[in-house]
Amino acid sequence: MSNSESSSADIVTSLSRGRYAVMARASALLTTSQLNHDGSSDTDVQAVSGLLMTALEELKVAEEELRVQNATLEAQRAGVDERTRHYRQLFLDAPVAGLVTDVHGTILEANAEAGAMLRREPRHLERKPIAVLIPVEARDVFRQQLSRLSPEEGVRAWRFPIGRAGHVPLEVCATVKLIPDLGPTRNGLLYWALREAATN
């Protein structure tokens, strides 16, 4: 449950408890007053009773409005969670090797196809800079290309060799897009699609 939903639920609970407490207290006071006056009507008691009933009715309306608001928020959250799971599963099961990195090329997520291409479990690729998977002699060029990415450029494609556990490096074609204002630091995320480069 989000903070806003938790806060709304807390307010509903507090209003409900407060309303019942006021009702109990008002009932006790009115009963005592009536006993003290031998059952005769009292203008002041009636006025207080009217004010209390009005206040309690307003509290009840506010409570119901908050219940509806809380139910709406819960339904919206459930919908967002479902869409998030759906799109995450699309990425994980995509038939293309896919990576998500920060703007410095550190891998945040890798799907199954990327793991198969690089001969590593996807979870073992997380938090690993792509640059360390590239042969030393090709890293400077890779880092230069990475630093030139910008949102205005759109999709960028280039070739580079990438190491695979227990195998010779593989030449890949990478298609990359920078999505701004995402990620833990809001600096943006890079979405990568990798495929084996065609050999001449």
N, C-alpha and C. Protein backbone atom coordinates (compact mmCIF):
# COMPACT_ATOMS: atom_id res chain seq x y z
N MET A 1 0.85 -1.20 0.00
CA MET A 1 0.00 0.00 0.00
C MET A 1 0.88 1.24 0.00
N SER A 2 0.53 2.22 -0.85
CA SER A 2 1.31 3.44 -0.94
C SER A 2 1.06 4.32 0.27
N ASN A 3 1.92 5.38 0.44
CA ASN A 3 1.77 6.29 1.56
C ASN A 3 0.42 7.00 1.53
N SER A 4 -0.02 7.42 0.31
CA SER A 4 -1.29 8.13 0.21
C SER A 4 -2.45 7.23 0.58
N GLU A 5 -2.39 5.94 0.15
CA GLU A 5 -3.46 5.01 0.49
C GLU A 5 -3.47 4.72 1.98
N SER A 6 -2.30 4.54 2.57
CA SER A 6 -2.19 4.28 4.00
C SER A 6 -2.73 5.46 4.80
N SER A 7 -2.39 6.69 4.36
CA SER A 7 -2.86 7.89 5.05
C SER A 7 -4.37 7.99 4.96
N SER A 8 -4.94 7.72 3.78
CA SER A 8 -6.38 7.78 3.60
C SER A 8 -7.08 6.76 4.48
N ALA A 9 -6.55 5.55 4.53
CA ALA A 9 -7.14 4.51 5.37
C ALA A 9 -7.08 4.88 6.84
N ASP A 10 -5.97 5.48 7.25
CA ASP A 10 -5.81 5.91 8.65
C ASP A 10 -6.84 6.98 9.00
N ILE A 11 -7.08 7.91 8.07
CA ILE A 11 -8.04 8.98 8.31
C ILE A 11 -9.45 8.40 8.44
N VAL A 12 -9.79 7.45 7.57
CA VAL A 12 -11.10 6.81 7.64
C VAL A 12 -11.29 6.14 8.99
N THR A 13 -10.28 5.39 9.42
CA THR A 13 -10.36 4.69 10.71
C THR A 13 -10.50 5.68 11.85
N SER A 14 -9.71 6.76 11.80
CA SER A 14 -9.76 7.76 12.85
C SER A 14 -11.12 8.45 12.91
N LEU A 15 -11.67 8.80 11.74
CA LEU A 15 -12.99 9.43 11.70
C LEU A 15 -14.06 8.51 12.25
N SER A 16 -13.97 7.24 11.87
CA SER A 16 -14.97 6.29 12.31
C SER A 16 -14.93 6.13 13.83
N ARG A 17 -13.74 5.98 14.38
CA ARG A 17 -13.61 5.84 15.83
C ARG A 17 -14.08 7.10 16.54
N GLY A 18 -13.70 8.27 15.97
CA GLY A 18 -14.10 9.54 16.59
C GLY A 18 -15.60 9.71 16.59
N ARG A 19 -16.23 9.32 15.46
CA ARG A 19 -17.68 9.47 15.36
C ARG A 19 -18.40 8.62 16.39
N TYR A 20 -17.96 7.36 16.54
CA TYR A 20 -18.62 6.50 17.52
C TYR A 20 -18.36 6.96 18.96
N ALA A 21 -17.17 7.50 19.19
CA ALA A 21 -16.85 8.00 20.53
C ALA A 21 -17.73 9.20 20.88
N VAL A 22 -17.91 10.11 19.90
CA VAL A 22 -18.75 11.28 20.13
C VAL A 22 -20.21 10.85 20.35
N MET A 23 -20.67 9.89 19.56
CA MET A 23 -22.04 9.40 19.71
C MET A 23 -22.25 8.81 21.10
N ALA A 24 -21.30 8.03 21.57
CA ALA A 24 -21.42 7.42 22.90
C ALA A 24 -21.42 8.49 23.98
N ARG A 25 -20.52 9.47 23.84
CA ARG A 25 -20.43 10.53 24.83
C ARG A 25 -21.70 11.39 24.84
N ALA A 26 -22.19 11.73 23.65
CA ALA A 26 -23.41 12.54 23.55
C ALA A 26 -24.59 11.80 24.15
N SER A 27 -24.69 10.51 23.86
CA SER A 27 -25.79 9.72 24.40
C SER A 27 -25.75 9.71 25.92
N ALA A 28 -24.53 9.54 26.48
CA ALA A 28 -24.39 9.52 27.94
C ALA A 28 -24.77 10.86 28.55
N LEU A 29 -24.34 11.97 27.94
CA LEU A 29 -24.63 13.30 28.47
C LEU A 29 -26.12 13.61 28.41
N LEU A 30 -26.75 13.25 27.28
CA LEU A 30 -28.17 13.52 27.14
C LEU A 30 -28.99 12.69 28.12
N THR A 31 -28.59 11.45 28.32
CA THR A 31 -29.30 10.60 29.28
C THR A 31 -29.18 11.15 30.69
N THR A 32 -27.98 11.57 31.08
CA THR A 32 -27.75 12.15 32.40
C THR A 32 -28.56 13.42 32.59
N SER A 33 -28.57 14.27 31.56
CA SER A 33 -29.30 15.53 31.64
C SER A 33 -30.80 15.29 31.79
N GLN A 34 -31.30 14.34 31.03
CA GLN A 34 -32.72 14.03 31.10
C GLN A 34 -33.10 13.49 32.47
N LEU A 35 -32.23 12.65 33.06
CA LEU A 35 -32.49 12.11 34.39
C LEU A 35 -32.49 13.21 35.43
N ASN A 36 -31.57 14.15 35.30
CA ASN A 36 -31.47 15.25 36.26
C ASN A 36 -32.65 16.19 36.18
N HIS A 37 -33.28 16.28 34.99
CA HIS A 37 -34.41 17.19 34.81
C HIS A 37 -35.74 16.46 34.86
N ASP A 38 -35.74 15.27 35.37
CA ASP A 38 -36.97 14.49 35.55
C ASP A 38 -37.73 14.32 34.24
N GLY A 39 -37.01 14.18 33.17
CA GLY A 39 -37.64 13.90 31.88
C GLY A 39 -38.21 15.12 31.19
N SER A 40 -38.09 16.30 31.77
CA SER A 40 -38.61 17.51 31.12
C SER A 40 -37.68 17.94 30.01
N SER A 41 -38.21 18.59 29.00
CA SER A 41 -37.39 19.07 27.88
C SER A 41 -36.58 20.27 28.32
N ASP A 42 -35.44 20.42 27.73
CA ASP A 42 -34.54 21.52 28.07
C ASP A 42 -34.04 22.13 26.77
N THR A 43 -34.23 23.43 26.58
CA THR A 43 -33.87 24.09 25.32
C THR A 43 -32.38 23.97 25.04
N ASP A 44 -31.55 24.14 26.06
CA ASP A 44 -30.09 24.05 25.87
C ASP A 44 -29.68 22.64 25.46
N VAL A 45 -30.28 21.66 26.11
CA VAL A 45 -29.96 20.26 25.77
C VAL A 45 -30.36 19.96 24.34
N GLN A 46 -31.53 20.46 23.93
CA GLN A 46 -31.98 20.22 22.56
C GLN A 46 -31.06 20.89 21.54
N ALA A 47 -30.58 22.10 21.89
CA ALA A 47 -29.68 22.80 20.98
C ALA A 47 -28.36 22.05 20.83
N VAL A 48 -27.82 21.61 21.98
CA VAL A 48 -26.56 20.83 21.94
C VAL A 48 -26.77 19.55 21.16
N SER A 49 -27.92 18.91 21.39
CA SER A 49 -28.21 17.66 20.68
C SER A 49 -28.24 17.89 19.18
N GLY A 50 -28.88 19.00 18.76
CA GLY A 50 -28.94 19.30 17.33
C GLY A 50 -27.59 19.54 16.73
N LEU A 51 -26.76 20.29 17.45
CA LEU A 51 -25.40 20.56 16.96
C LEU A 51 -24.59 19.28 16.84
N LEU A 52 -24.73 18.41 17.84
CA LEU A 52 -23.98 17.14 17.82
C LEU A 52 -24.43 16.28 16.65
N MET A 53 -25.74 16.22 16.43
CA MET A 53 -26.25 15.39 15.34
C MET A 53 -25.76 15.91 13.98
N THR A 54 -25.73 17.24 13.84
CA THR A 54 -25.25 17.83 12.59
C THR A 54 -23.77 17.52 12.37
N ALA A 55 -22.98 17.67 13.46
CA ALA A 55 -21.54 17.40 13.36
C ALA A 55 -21.29 15.93 13.04
N LEU A 56 -22.08 15.06 13.67
CA LEU A 56 -21.90 13.62 13.43
C LEU A 56 -22.28 13.26 11.99
N GLU A 57 -23.31 13.92 11.47
CA GLU A 57 -23.71 13.65 10.09
C GLU A 57 -22.62 14.10 9.12
N GLU A 58 -22.02 15.25 9.40
CA GLU A 58 -20.92 15.74 8.55
C GLU A 58 -19.73 14.80 8.60
N LEU A 59 -19.44 14.29 9.80
CA LEU A 59 -18.34 13.32 9.94
C LEU A 59 -18.63 12.04 9.16
N LYS A 60 -19.89 11.61 9.20
CA LYS A 60 -20.26 10.39 8.48
C LYS A 60 -20.09 10.57 6.99
N VAL A 61 -20.51 11.73 6.46
CA VAL A 61 -20.36 12.00 5.03
C VAL A 61 -18.88 12.03 4.64
N ALA A 62 -18.04 12.71 5.47
CA ALA A 62 -16.61 12.77 5.19
C ALA A 62 -15.98 11.38 5.22
N GLU A 63 -16.44 10.57 6.17
CA GLU A 63 -15.92 9.20 6.28
C GLU A 63 -16.25 8.39 5.04
N GLU A 64 -17.49 8.50 4.56
CA GLU A 64 -17.89 7.76 3.37
C GLU A 64 -17.13 8.23 2.13
N GLU A 65 -16.92 9.54 2.02
CA GLU A 65 -16.16 10.07 0.89
C GLU A 65 -14.74 9.53 0.89
N LEU A 66 -14.15 9.46 2.08
CA LEU A 66 -12.78 8.94 2.17
C LEU A 66 -12.73 7.44 1.87
N ARG A 67 -13.76 6.72 2.25
CA ARG A 67 -13.81 5.28 1.94
C ARG A 67 -13.83 5.08 0.42
N VAL A 68 -14.64 5.88 -0.26
CA VAL A 68 -14.72 5.79 -1.73
C VAL A 68 -13.38 6.15 -2.35
N GLN A 69 -12.77 7.23 -1.84
CA GLN A 69 -11.47 7.65 -2.36
C GLN A 69 -10.42 6.57 -2.15
N ASN A 70 -10.43 5.94 -0.98
CA ASN A 70 -9.46 4.89 -0.67
C ASN A 70 -9.66 3.68 -1.58
N ALA A 71 -10.92 3.32 -1.82
CA ALA A 71 -11.21 2.19 -2.71
C ALA A 71 -10.74 2.48 -4.13
N THR A 72 -10.93 3.74 -4.57
CA THR A 72 -10.49 4.14 -5.91
C THR A 72 -8.97 4.06 -6.04
N LEU A 73 -8.26 4.55 -5.02
CA LEU A 73 -6.80 4.50 -5.03
C LEU A 73 -6.29 3.06 -5.06
N GLU A 74 -6.93 2.19 -4.30
CA GLU A 74 -6.52 0.79 -4.28
C GLU A 74 -6.72 0.14 -5.66
N ALA A 75 -7.83 0.47 -6.31
CA ALA A 75 -8.10 -0.07 -7.65
C ALA A 75 -7.08 0.44 -8.66
N GLN A 76 -6.73 1.73 -8.56
CA GLN A 76 -5.74 2.30 -9.47
C GLN A 76 -4.37 1.66 -9.25
N ARG A 77 -4.01 1.45 -8.00
CA ARG A 77 -2.71 0.83 -7.70
C ARG A 77 -2.66 -0.59 -8.26
N ALA A 78 -3.76 -1.32 -8.10
CA ALA A 78 -3.80 -2.69 -8.62
C ALA A 78 -3.63 -2.69 -10.14
N GLY A 79 -4.26 -1.71 -10.81
CA GLY A 79 -4.13 -1.62 -12.26
C GLY A 79 -2.71 -1.30 -12.69
N VAL A 80 -2.07 -0.36 -11.98
CA VAL A 80 -0.67 0.00 -12.29
C VAL A 80 0.24 -1.19 -12.06
N ASP A 81 0.04 -1.90 -10.95
CA ASP A 81 0.88 -3.08 -10.65
C ASP A 81 0.74 -4.13 -11.74
N GLU A 82 -0.48 -4.33 -12.22
CA GLU A 82 -0.72 -5.34 -13.25
C GLU A 82 -0.03 -4.95 -14.56
N ARG A 83 -0.13 -3.67 -14.94
CA ARG A 83 0.53 -3.22 -16.17
C ARG A 83 2.04 -3.31 -16.04
N THR A 84 2.58 -2.99 -14.85
CA THR A 84 4.02 -3.09 -14.62
C THR A 84 4.49 -4.53 -14.78
N ARG A 85 3.75 -5.47 -14.19
CA ARG A 85 4.12 -6.89 -14.33
C ARG A 85 4.06 -7.33 -15.78
N HIS A 86 3.04 -6.84 -16.49
CA HIS A 86 2.86 -7.22 -17.89
C HIS A 86 4.05 -6.77 -18.75
N TYR A 87 4.44 -5.49 -18.62
CA TYR A 87 5.53 -4.98 -19.46
C TYR A 87 6.88 -5.54 -19.03
N ARG A 88 7.04 -5.81 -17.75
CA ARG A 88 8.29 -6.43 -17.30
C ARG A 88 8.41 -7.84 -17.89
N GLN A 89 7.30 -8.57 -17.91
CA GLN A 89 7.34 -9.91 -18.47
C GLN A 89 7.62 -9.88 -19.96
N LEU A 90 7.07 -8.87 -20.66
CA LEU A 90 7.37 -8.73 -22.09
C LEU A 90 8.86 -8.55 -22.32
N PHE A 91 9.52 -7.75 -21.47
CA PHE A 91 10.96 -7.54 -21.59
C PHE A 91 11.71 -8.83 -21.30
N LEU A 92 11.36 -9.50 -20.21
CA LEU A 92 12.09 -10.70 -19.80
C LEU A 92 11.97 -11.82 -20.82
N ASP A 93 10.81 -11.94 -21.46
CA ASP A 93 10.57 -13.04 -22.41
C ASP A 93 10.73 -12.62 -23.87
N ALA A 94 11.23 -11.41 -24.11
CA ALA A 94 11.38 -10.94 -25.49
C ALA A 94 12.33 -11.86 -26.27
N PRO A 95 12.06 -12.05 -27.56
CA PRO A 95 12.91 -12.91 -28.38
C PRO A 95 14.19 -12.21 -28.85
N VAL A 96 14.47 -11.05 -28.30
CA VAL A 96 15.67 -10.28 -28.63
C VAL A 96 16.47 -10.08 -27.35
N ALA A 97 17.80 -10.16 -27.47
CA ALA A 97 18.66 -9.92 -26.31
C ALA A 97 18.51 -8.47 -25.87
N GLY A 98 18.04 -8.26 -24.66
CA GLY A 98 17.78 -6.91 -24.19
C GLY A 98 18.47 -6.61 -22.87
N LEU A 99 18.94 -5.38 -22.75
CA LEU A 99 19.55 -4.89 -21.51
C LEU A 99 18.95 -3.53 -21.17
N VAL A 100 18.91 -3.24 -19.89
CA VAL A 100 18.59 -1.90 -19.41
C VAL A 100 19.78 -1.47 -18.56
N THR A 101 20.36 -0.30 -18.89
CA THR A 101 21.50 0.19 -18.12
C THR A 101 21.26 1.64 -17.71
N ASP A 102 22.11 2.11 -16.80
CA ASP A 102 22.10 3.55 -16.53
C ASP A 102 22.87 4.25 -17.64
N VAL A 103 23.00 5.57 -17.56
CA VAL A 103 23.64 6.30 -18.65
C VAL A 103 25.13 6.02 -18.75
N HIS A 104 25.70 5.38 -17.72
CA HIS A 104 27.13 5.04 -17.75
C HIS A 104 27.36 3.61 -18.26
N GLY A 105 26.26 2.93 -18.60
CA GLY A 105 26.40 1.59 -19.15
C GLY A 105 26.43 0.48 -18.11
N THR A 106 26.07 0.77 -16.87
CA THR A 106 26.01 -0.27 -15.85
C THR A 106 24.68 -1.01 -15.98
N ILE A 107 24.75 -2.32 -16.10
CA ILE A 107 23.55 -3.12 -16.35
C ILE A 107 22.65 -3.16 -15.13
N LEU A 108 21.39 -2.80 -15.34
CA LEU A 108 20.39 -2.87 -14.28
C LEU A 108 19.49 -4.10 -14.43
N GLU A 109 19.22 -4.46 -15.69
CA GLU A 109 18.41 -5.64 -15.97
C GLU A 109 18.88 -6.28 -17.27
N ALA A 110 18.78 -7.59 -17.32
CA ALA A 110 19.12 -8.34 -18.53
C ALA A 110 18.07 -9.43 -18.71
N ASN A 111 17.60 -9.62 -19.93
CA ASN A 111 16.60 -10.67 -20.12
C ASN A 111 17.27 -12.00 -20.46
N ALA A 112 16.44 -13.03 -20.63
CA ALA A 112 16.96 -14.38 -20.84
C ALA A 112 17.79 -14.48 -22.11
N GLU A 113 17.34 -13.81 -23.19
CA GLU A 113 18.08 -13.87 -24.45
C GLU A 113 19.47 -13.23 -24.32
N ALA A 114 19.57 -12.15 -23.55
CA ALA A 114 20.87 -11.52 -23.33
C ALA A 114 21.79 -12.46 -22.55
N GLY A 115 21.22 -13.14 -21.56
CA GLY A 115 22.01 -14.11 -20.81
C GLY A 115 22.53 -15.23 -21.70
N ALA A 116 21.67 -15.71 -22.60
CA ALA A 116 22.08 -16.79 -23.51
C ALA A 116 23.16 -16.31 -24.47
N MET A 117 23.02 -15.10 -25.00
CA MET A 117 24.02 -14.56 -25.92
C MET A 117 25.37 -14.40 -25.25
N LEU A 118 25.36 -13.91 -24.00
CA LEU A 118 26.62 -13.61 -23.31
C LEU A 118 27.12 -14.77 -22.45
N ARG A 119 26.40 -15.88 -22.49
CA ARG A 119 26.79 -17.09 -21.76
C ARG A 119 26.89 -16.83 -20.24
N ARG A 120 25.94 -16.06 -19.73
CA ARG A 120 25.90 -15.76 -18.30
C ARG A 120 24.45 -15.75 -17.84
N GLU A 121 24.26 -16.10 -16.58
CA GLU A 121 22.93 -15.95 -16.00
C GLU A 121 22.60 -14.45 -15.97
N PRO A 122 21.38 -14.07 -16.35
CA PRO A 122 21.02 -12.65 -16.34
C PRO A 122 21.30 -11.97 -15.00
N ARG A 123 21.06 -12.67 -13.89
CA ARG A 123 21.29 -12.05 -12.57
C ARG A 123 22.76 -11.77 -12.33
N HIS A 124 23.64 -12.51 -13.00
CA HIS A 124 25.07 -12.28 -12.85
C HIS A 124 25.56 -11.10 -13.68
N LEU A 125 24.72 -10.61 -14.58
CA LEU A 125 25.07 -9.45 -15.38
C LEU A 125 24.69 -8.14 -14.68
N GLU A 126 23.74 -8.22 -13.75
CA GLU A 126 23.27 -7.02 -13.07
C GLU A 126 24.39 -6.34 -12.27
N ARG A 127 24.42 -5.01 -12.35
CA ARG A 127 25.40 -4.14 -11.68
C ARG A 127 26.80 -4.26 -12.29
N LYS A 128 26.88 -4.89 -13.46
CA LYS A 128 28.17 -5.02 -14.15
C LYS A 128 28.21 -4.02 -15.30
N PRO A 129 29.24 -3.17 -15.39
CA PRO A 129 29.35 -2.25 -16.54
C PRO A 129 29.55 -3.04 -17.83
N ILE A 130 28.85 -2.64 -18.88
CA ILE A 130 29.04 -3.33 -20.17
C ILE A 130 30.50 -3.24 -20.59
N ALA A 131 31.16 -2.14 -20.27
CA ALA A 131 32.55 -1.94 -20.71
C ALA A 131 33.48 -3.07 -20.25
N VAL A 132 33.22 -3.65 -19.08
CA VAL A 132 34.12 -4.71 -18.60
C VAL A 132 33.91 -6.00 -19.38
N LEU A 133 32.82 -6.10 -20.14
CA LEU A 133 32.58 -7.28 -20.95
C LEU A 133 33.23 -7.16 -22.33
N ILE A 134 33.76 -5.98 -22.61
CA ILE A 134 34.33 -5.70 -23.92
C ILE A 134 35.85 -5.87 -23.85
N PRO A 135 36.46 -6.47 -24.86
CA PRO A 135 37.93 -6.61 -24.86
C PRO A 135 38.61 -5.28 -24.61
N VAL A 136 39.72 -5.32 -23.87
CA VAL A 136 40.42 -4.10 -23.44
C VAL A 136 40.71 -3.16 -24.60
N GLU A 137 41.13 -3.70 -25.72
CA GLU A 137 41.53 -2.85 -26.85
C GLU A 137 40.34 -2.10 -27.49
N ALA A 138 39.12 -2.54 -27.19
CA ALA A 138 37.95 -1.89 -27.80
C ALA A 138 37.19 -1.01 -26.80
N ARG A 139 37.63 -0.95 -25.56
CA ARG A 139 36.86 -0.24 -24.53
C ARG A 139 36.83 1.27 -24.73
N ASP A 140 37.94 1.87 -25.13
CA ASP A 140 37.98 3.32 -25.29
C ASP A 140 36.98 3.78 -26.35
N VAL A 141 36.96 3.07 -27.47
CA VAL A 141 36.03 3.43 -28.54
C VAL A 141 34.59 3.26 -28.05
N PHE A 142 34.33 2.18 -27.33
CA PHE A 142 32.99 1.95 -26.80
C PHE A 142 32.56 3.08 -25.87
N ARG A 143 33.45 3.47 -24.97
CA ARG A 143 33.12 4.53 -24.01
C ARG A 143 32.89 5.87 -24.72
N GLN A 144 33.64 6.13 -25.77
CA GLN A 144 33.43 7.37 -26.54
C GLN A 144 32.04 7.38 -27.18
N GLN A 145 31.66 6.24 -27.76
CA GLN A 145 30.35 6.15 -28.39
C GLN A 145 29.24 6.29 -27.34
N LEU A 146 29.45 5.69 -26.18
CA LEU A 146 28.47 5.76 -25.11
C LEU A 146 28.26 7.20 -24.64
N SER A 147 29.35 7.94 -24.53
CA SER A 147 29.27 9.32 -24.03
C SER A 147 28.56 10.25 -25.01
N ARG A 148 28.45 9.85 -26.27
CA ARG A 148 27.82 10.71 -27.28
C ARG A 148 26.31 10.52 -27.38
N LEU A 149 25.78 9.56 -26.65
CA LEU A 149 24.34 9.32 -26.72
C LEU A 149 23.57 10.51 -26.14
N SER A 150 22.48 10.86 -26.79
CA SER A 150 21.64 11.94 -26.29
C SER A 150 20.19 11.64 -26.66
N PRO A 151 19.22 12.17 -25.89
CA PRO A 151 17.81 11.93 -26.20
C PRO A 151 17.43 12.45 -27.58
N GLU A 152 18.06 13.56 -27.99
CA GLU A 152 17.72 14.16 -29.28
C GLU A 152 18.13 13.28 -30.45
N GLU A 153 19.13 12.45 -30.23
CA GLU A 153 19.66 11.62 -31.31
C GLU A 153 18.71 10.48 -31.67
N GLY A 154 17.83 10.12 -30.75
CA GLY A 154 16.94 9.00 -31.01
C GLY A 154 17.66 7.68 -30.84
N VAL A 155 17.36 6.74 -31.71
CA VAL A 155 17.99 5.41 -31.63
C VAL A 155 19.37 5.45 -32.26
N ARG A 156 20.33 4.88 -31.57
CA ARG A 156 21.71 4.83 -32.05
C ARG A 156 22.11 3.37 -32.25
N ALA A 157 22.82 3.09 -33.31
CA ALA A 157 23.26 1.72 -33.57
C ALA A 157 24.76 1.70 -33.84
N TRP A 158 25.45 0.73 -33.26
CA TRP A 158 26.85 0.54 -33.58
C TRP A 158 27.28 -0.90 -33.31
N ARG A 159 28.46 -1.22 -33.77
CA ARG A 159 29.00 -2.57 -33.59
C ARG A 159 30.17 -2.53 -32.63
N PHE A 160 30.29 -3.60 -31.85
CA PHE A 160 31.45 -3.76 -30.98
C PHE A 160 31.55 -5.23 -30.55
N PRO A 161 32.73 -5.66 -30.18
CA PRO A 161 32.88 -7.03 -29.69
C PRO A 161 32.51 -7.09 -28.22
N ILE A 162 31.95 -8.21 -27.81
CA ILE A 162 31.59 -8.37 -26.40
C ILE A 162 32.00 -9.76 -25.95
N GLY A 163 32.58 -9.83 -24.76
CA GLY A 163 33.09 -11.11 -24.26
C GLY A 163 31.98 -12.03 -23.79
N ARG A 164 32.24 -13.33 -23.93
CA ARG A 164 31.31 -14.34 -23.45
C ARG A 164 32.08 -15.32 -22.58
N ALA A 165 31.49 -15.70 -21.47
CA ALA A 165 32.18 -16.59 -20.53
C ALA A 165 32.62 -17.88 -21.23
N GLY A 166 33.93 -18.12 -21.22
CA GLY A 166 34.47 -19.35 -21.78
C GLY A 166 34.50 -19.42 -23.29
N HIS A 167 34.22 -18.29 -23.97
CA HIS A 167 34.19 -18.27 -25.43
C HIS A 167 34.93 -17.04 -25.94
N VAL A 168 35.26 -17.09 -27.23
CA VAL A 168 35.89 -15.93 -27.85
C VAL A 168 34.87 -14.80 -27.92
N PRO A 169 35.31 -13.54 -27.95
CA PRO A 169 34.37 -12.41 -28.04
C PRO A 169 33.48 -12.53 -29.27
N LEU A 170 32.27 -12.01 -29.12
CA LEU A 170 31.29 -12.04 -30.18
C LEU A 170 31.06 -10.63 -30.69
N GLU A 171 31.09 -10.45 -32.02
CA GLU A 171 30.80 -9.15 -32.60
C GLU A 171 29.28 -8.95 -32.62
N VAL A 172 28.82 -7.87 -32.00
CA VAL A 172 27.38 -7.64 -31.92
C VAL A 172 27.02 -6.30 -32.55
N CYS A 173 25.77 -6.22 -33.00
CA CYS A 173 25.18 -4.95 -33.39
C CYS A 173 24.25 -4.53 -32.27
N ALA A 174 24.46 -3.35 -31.74
CA ALA A 174 23.64 -2.85 -30.64
C ALA A 174 22.78 -1.69 -31.11
N THR A 175 21.51 -1.76 -30.80
CA THR A 175 20.60 -0.64 -31.02
C THR A 175 20.27 -0.09 -29.65
N VAL A 176 20.52 1.20 -29.45
CA VAL A 176 20.40 1.80 -28.12
C VAL A 176 19.54 3.06 -28.17
N LYS A 177 18.71 3.23 -27.15
CA LYS A 177 17.92 4.45 -27.02
C LYS A 177 18.02 4.97 -25.60
N LEU A 178 18.27 6.25 -25.48
CA LEU A 178 18.34 6.91 -24.17
C LEU A 178 16.96 7.48 -23.84
N ILE A 179 16.41 7.05 -22.71
CA ILE A 179 15.15 7.57 -22.21
C ILE A 179 15.45 8.48 -21.03
N PRO A 180 15.25 9.79 -21.15
CA PRO A 180 15.62 10.71 -20.08
C PRO A 180 14.69 10.64 -18.87
N ASP A 181 15.19 11.18 -17.76
CA ASP A 181 14.39 11.36 -16.54
C ASP A 181 13.91 10.07 -15.91
N LEU A 182 14.62 8.97 -16.14
CA LEU A 182 14.29 7.70 -15.50
C LEU A 182 15.49 7.22 -14.70
N GLY A 183 15.27 6.18 -13.93
CA GLY A 183 16.37 5.59 -13.17
C GLY A 183 16.48 6.16 -11.76
N PRO A 184 17.30 5.52 -10.93
CA PRO A 184 17.44 5.93 -9.53
C PRO A 184 17.85 7.38 -9.35
N THR A 185 18.71 7.88 -10.26
CA THR A 185 19.19 9.27 -10.14
C THR A 185 18.48 10.21 -11.09
N ARG A 186 17.49 9.70 -11.83
CA ARG A 186 16.72 10.49 -12.80
C ARG A 186 17.57 11.03 -13.94
N ASN A 187 18.75 10.44 -14.15
CA ASN A 187 19.61 10.87 -15.26
C ASN A 187 19.24 10.19 -16.57
N GLY A 188 18.36 9.22 -16.51
CA GLY A 188 17.95 8.51 -17.70
C GLY A 188 18.37 7.05 -17.67
N LEU A 189 17.76 6.28 -18.55
CA LEU A 189 18.11 4.87 -18.72
C LEU A 189 18.38 4.59 -20.19
N LEU A 190 19.23 3.61 -20.44
CA LEU A 190 19.52 3.17 -21.80
C LEU A 190 18.87 1.81 -22.03
N TYR A 191 18.15 1.70 -23.14
CA TYR A 191 17.55 0.44 -23.53
C TYR A 191 18.34 -0.12 -24.71
N TRP A 192 18.83 -1.34 -24.55
CA TRP A 192 19.71 -1.97 -25.53
C TRP A 192 19.03 -3.20 -26.14
N ALA A 193 19.14 -3.32 -27.46
CA ALA A 193 18.77 -4.55 -28.16
C ALA A 193 20.03 -5.03 -28.88
N LEU A 194 20.45 -6.26 -28.57
CA LEU A 194 21.69 -6.80 -29.14
C LEU A 194 21.38 -7.94 -30.10
N ARG A 195 22.14 -8.02 -31.14
CA ARG A 195 22.06 -9.16 -32.04
C ARG A 195 23.45 -9.45 -32.59
N GLU A 196 23.67 -10.68 -32.95
CA GLU A 196 24.96 -11.05 -33.50
C GLU A 196 25.16 -10.39 -34.86
N ALA A 197 26.33 -9.77 -35.02
CA ALA A 197 26.62 -9.07 -36.28
C ALA A 197 26.84 -10.08 -37.40
N ALA A 198 26.37 -9.71 -38.56
CA ALA A 198 26.56 -10.58 -39.72
C ALA A 198 28.02 -10.59 -40.13
N THR A 199 28.53 -11.73 -40.45
CA THR A 199 29.93 -11.86 -40.89
C THR A 199 29.99 -11.83 -42.40
N ASN A 200 31.02 -11.20 -42.89
CA ASN A 200 31.21 -11.12 -44.36
C ASN A 200 31.85 -12.39 -44.89
